[in-house]
Amino acid sequence: MLELIALTKTIGDRNLFSALSLRLEAGGFVAIRGESGTGKSTLLNLIAGLESADGGDVRLNGNSLAGLDDDARTRWRRDHLGFVFQAFHVLPHLTILDNAVLPLRLQGVGSTQARAAAQSMLESVGLGVRGAGWPGELSGGELQRLAIARALVHRPTLVLADEPTGNLDPENAQRILALLAQQVRTQGAMCLMVTHSSQAAAVADRVLTLENGRLCEA
């Protein structure tokens, strides 16, 4: 379970969040909509421990993020989070398979086991025969498939998706969103996606709107 408990965040003289709260359970897929500048990406950064809240707490399975130092937060992200970004963020100098392997290697998983798990994950997203190739050979939709494989290969508790289809055409966007939802639910993970798109949000179980520093049912 992910719990956001009365989060507050001020940037400059602007009160970005005011006692923002949310609960998300295993297998759940929540989309948060909002216009540019409402704080959607900042919210993901707070959940990931990349920024600190001014008040409140983030808890994953009852464990508080607030009391962790920087090293502990890094380990927490490595072990419990998967990220899917609009810009893909794959590494062009690594093969497709090695990109998918990376989270497991960072966890210290042995090479043989890690490569087998990554190959299986690539197969589940339709890239099983492309592992020896390079990211530069992939289309935008295929790059996002690779990003999903990398985000889920280490079986994270929580997946954070920041405008994951923003660089894709509508047809590819729908395919990618369906794939993301399927993989998250298959693994029993949780997914929190922020987007400005009503089409993207439609794949989620629950849609919220970020307005005036609070989350409201859409």
Protein backbone atom coordinates (compact mmCIF):
# COMPACT_ATOMS: atom_id res chain seq x y z
CA MET A 1 0.00 0.00 0.00
CA LEU A 2 1.13 3.52 -0.83
CA GLU A 3 -0.06 6.27 1.49
CA LEU A 4 0.36 9.99 1.01
CA ILE A 5 -0.43 11.62 4.32
CA ALA A 6 -1.20 15.35 4.45
CA LEU A 7 1.64 16.31 2.12
CA THR A 8 2.46 20.00 1.95
CA LYS A 9 4.97 21.63 -0.37
CA THR A 10 5.81 25.29 -0.87
CA ILE A 11 7.92 26.59 -3.76
CA GLY A 12 8.88 30.23 -3.34
CA ASP A 13 5.76 32.01 -2.17
CA ARG A 14 3.46 29.44 -3.77
CA ASN A 15 1.75 26.78 -1.68
CA LEU A 16 1.85 23.91 -4.16
CA PHE A 17 0.19 21.22 -2.01
CA SER A 18 -2.05 21.62 1.01
CA ALA A 19 -2.59 18.48 3.13
CA LEU A 20 -2.64 16.26 0.02
CA SER A 21 -3.57 12.64 0.81
CA LEU A 22 -3.99 9.41 -1.17
CA ARG A 23 -4.11 5.64 -0.65
CA LEU A 24 -3.17 3.17 -3.39
CA GLU A 25 -3.23 -0.61 -2.95
CA ALA A 26 -1.53 -3.50 -4.74
CA GLY A 27 -2.82 -3.98 -8.28
CA GLY A 28 -4.26 -0.47 -8.36
CA PHE A 29 -3.73 1.93 -11.24
CA VAL A 30 -4.42 5.59 -10.49
CA ALA A 31 -4.12 8.43 -12.99
CA ILE A 32 -3.71 12.02 -11.85
CA ARG A 33 -4.66 14.68 -14.36
CA GLY A 34 -3.78 18.32 -14.22
CA GLU A 35 -2.66 21.22 -16.33
CA SER A 36 1.00 22.17 -16.70
CA GLY A 37 2.33 23.83 -13.57
CA THR A 38 -0.09 22.21 -11.14
CA GLY A 39 2.69 20.13 -9.56
CA LYS A 40 2.18 16.67 -11.08
CA SER A 41 5.88 15.97 -11.61
CA THR A 42 6.75 17.48 -8.23
CA LEU A 43 4.31 15.07 -6.63
CA LEU A 44 6.08 12.11 -8.26
CA ASN A 45 9.42 13.50 -7.06
CA LEU A 46 8.10 13.66 -3.49
CA ILE A 47 6.86 10.07 -3.69
CA ALA A 48 10.21 8.93 -5.09
CA GLY A 49 12.16 10.78 -2.41
CA LEU A 50 13.88 12.99 -4.98
CA GLU A 51 12.46 16.04 -3.21
CA SER A 52 11.40 16.51 0.38
CA ALA A 53 7.95 17.62 1.49
CA ASP A 54 7.57 20.52 3.89
CA GLY A 55 5.06 18.51 5.88
CA GLY A 56 3.28 15.17 5.90
CA ASP A 57 4.69 11.80 4.91
CA VAL A 58 4.96 9.17 2.18
CA ARG A 59 4.61 5.57 3.35
CA LEU A 60 5.05 2.39 1.34
CA ASN A 61 3.77 -0.74 3.08
CA GLY A 62 3.80 1.21 6.32
CA ASN A 63 7.43 2.31 6.02
CA SER A 64 7.97 6.06 6.26
CA LEU A 65 10.08 7.92 3.72
CA ALA A 66 10.41 11.05 5.83
CA GLY A 67 13.03 9.69 8.20
CA LEU A 68 15.40 8.26 5.56
CA ASP A 69 18.70 9.91 4.67
CA ASP A 70 19.83 10.31 1.05
CA ASP A 71 21.59 6.93 0.87
CA ALA A 72 18.60 5.12 2.33
CA ARG A 73 16.27 6.87 -0.12
CA THR A 74 18.49 5.78 -3.01
CA ARG A 75 18.28 2.17 -1.84
CA TRP A 76 14.52 2.55 -1.37
CA ARG A 77 14.10 3.71 -4.97
CA ARG A 78 16.35 0.95 -6.26
CA ASP A 79 14.44 -1.80 -4.46
CA HIS A 80 10.84 -0.63 -4.57
CA LEU A 81 10.26 1.77 -7.48
CA GLY A 82 10.02 1.52 -11.24
CA PHE A 83 9.94 4.64 -13.44
CA VAL A 84 8.42 5.23 -16.89
CA PHE A 85 9.11 8.66 -18.40
CA GLN A 86 7.85 10.60 -21.42
CA ALA A 87 11.40 10.84 -22.80
CA PHE A 88 12.10 7.08 -22.37
CA HIS A 89 15.57 7.65 -20.79
CA VAL A 90 17.05 4.45 -22.20
CA LEU A 91 20.85 4.33 -22.49
CA PRO A 92 21.94 4.42 -26.16
CA HIS A 93 25.36 2.86 -25.51
CA LEU A 94 23.82 -0.31 -24.02
CA THR A 95 22.05 -3.03 -25.98
CA ILE A 96 18.32 -3.45 -25.57
CA LEU A 97 18.86 -6.45 -23.30
CA ASP A 98 21.47 -4.65 -21.21
CA ASN A 99 19.09 -1.71 -20.72
CA ALA A 100 16.50 -4.11 -19.35
CA VAL A 101 19.10 -5.86 -17.16
CA LEU A 102 20.31 -2.66 -15.49
CA PRO A 103 17.91 -2.46 -12.49
CA LEU A 104 18.70 -6.06 -11.55
CA ARG A 105 22.44 -5.52 -11.77
CA LEU A 106 22.11 -2.44 -9.53
CA GLN A 107 20.44 -4.73 -6.99
CA GLY A 108 23.38 -7.12 -7.15
CA VAL A 109 21.59 -9.92 -9.00
CA GLY A 110 24.04 -12.26 -10.74
CA SER A 111 24.60 -11.81 -14.46
CA THR A 112 23.07 -15.10 -15.62
CA GLN A 113 19.94 -14.72 -13.50
CA ALA A 114 19.56 -11.05 -14.38
CA ARG A 115 19.86 -11.62 -18.11
CA ALA A 116 17.35 -14.47 -18.02
CA ALA A 117 14.83 -12.32 -16.12
CA ALA A 118 15.40 -9.39 -18.48
CA GLN A 119 14.95 -11.59 -21.55
CA SER A 120 11.68 -12.90 -20.15
CA MET A 121 10.51 -9.34 -19.49
CA LEU A 122 11.43 -8.26 -23.03
CA GLU A 123 9.40 -11.16 -24.38
CA SER A 124 6.40 -10.05 -22.35
CA VAL A 125 6.49 -6.60 -23.98
CA GLY A 126 7.07 -7.90 -27.50
CA LEU A 127 10.80 -7.24 -27.78
CA GLY A 128 12.09 -10.73 -27.11
CA VAL A 129 13.91 -11.07 -30.45
CA ARG A 130 15.44 -7.57 -30.27
CA GLY A 131 17.67 -7.95 -27.22
CA ALA A 132 20.97 -7.89 -29.12
CA GLY A 133 20.02 -4.71 -30.96
CA TRP A 134 20.45 -1.08 -29.95
CA PRO A 135 17.94 1.53 -28.74
CA GLY A 136 18.67 3.64 -31.83
CA GLU A 137 17.08 0.92 -33.95
CA LEU A 138 13.72 1.16 -32.13
CA SER A 139 10.66 3.25 -32.92
CA GLY A 140 9.13 5.52 -30.28
CA GLY A 141 6.57 2.90 -29.31
CA GLU A 142 9.27 0.24 -29.05
CA LEU A 143 11.43 2.53 -26.91
CA GLN A 144 8.55 2.93 -24.49
CA ARG A 145 8.08 -0.86 -24.44
CA LEU A 146 11.72 -1.13 -23.46
CA ALA A 147 11.21 1.52 -20.77
CA ILE A 148 8.29 -0.48 -19.36
CA ALA A 149 10.37 -3.67 -19.36
CA ARG A 150 13.18 -1.90 -17.51
CA ALA A 151 10.74 -0.37 -15.01
CA LEU A 152 9.17 -3.73 -14.14
CA VAL A 153 12.02 -6.23 -14.49
CA HIS A 154 12.95 -6.07 -10.79
CA ARG A 155 9.30 -6.50 -9.76
CA PRO A 156 8.90 -3.15 -7.98
CA THR A 157 6.15 -2.48 -5.51
CA LEU A 158 5.29 0.86 -7.11
CA VAL A 159 5.56 2.15 -10.68
CA LEU A 160 5.60 5.90 -11.29
CA ALA A 161 4.74 7.05 -14.81
CA ASP A 162 5.24 10.67 -15.88
CA GLU A 163 3.38 11.45 -19.14
CA PRO A 164 4.46 8.03 -20.50
CA THR A 165 2.78 8.50 -23.90
CA GLY A 166 3.51 12.18 -24.44
CA ASN A 167 5.91 11.45 -27.32
CA LEU A 168 3.74 8.85 -29.05
CA ASP A 169 1.03 9.02 -31.69
CA PRO A 170 -2.51 8.18 -30.45
CA GLU A 171 -2.52 4.61 -31.77
CA ASN A 172 0.82 3.72 -30.21
CA ALA A 173 -0.15 5.55 -27.04
CA GLN A 174 -3.18 3.34 -26.49
CA ARG A 175 -1.16 0.18 -27.09
CA ILE A 176 1.52 1.27 -24.64
CA LEU A 177 -0.98 2.23 -21.95
CA ALA A 178 -2.77 -1.11 -22.28
CA LEU A 179 0.56 -2.90 -22.03
CA LEU A 180 1.62 -0.91 -18.97
CA ALA A 181 -1.69 -1.60 -17.20
CA GLN A 182 -1.52 -5.30 -18.07
CA GLN A 183 2.04 -5.72 -16.81
CA VAL A 184 1.40 -3.78 -13.60
CA ARG A 185 -1.64 -5.90 -12.77
CA THR A 186 0.07 -9.15 -13.73
CA GLN A 187 2.88 -8.41 -11.29
CA GLY A 188 0.55 -7.21 -8.52
CA ALA A 189 2.31 -3.85 -8.42
CA MET A 190 0.78 -0.39 -8.05
CA CYS A 191 0.96 2.32 -10.68
CA LEU A 192 0.58 6.06 -10.25
CA MET A 193 0.54 7.93 -13.56
CA VAL A 194 0.43 11.68 -14.05
CA THR A 195 -0.87 13.01 -17.35
CA HIS A 196 -2.71 15.91 -18.92
CA SER A 197 -4.45 13.51 -21.34
CA SER A 198 -7.99 12.25 -20.73
CA GLN A 199 -7.33 9.39 -23.17
CA ALA A 200 -4.28 8.27 -21.21
CA ALA A 201 -6.14 8.53 -17.91
CA ALA A 202 -8.96 6.32 -19.20
CA VAL A 203 -6.85 3.17 -18.80
CA ALA A 204 -6.64 3.66 -15.02
CA ASP A 205 -8.96 2.20 -12.39
CA ARG A 206 -9.35 5.61 -10.79
CA VAL A 207 -8.83 9.11 -12.13
CA LEU A 208 -8.04 12.09 -9.90
CA THR A 209 -7.54 15.74 -10.74
CA LEU A 210 -4.86 17.86 -9.11
CA GLU A 211 -6.42 21.27 -8.47
CA ASN A 212 -5.43 24.02 -6.07
CA GLY A 213 -3.03 21.75 -4.21
CA ARG A 214 -5.52 18.94 -3.61
CA LEU A 215 -6.56 15.71 -5.29
CA CYS A 216 -10.21 15.54 -6.34
CA GLU A 217 -12.18 12.71 -7.93
CA ALA A 218 -12.45 13.37 -11.67
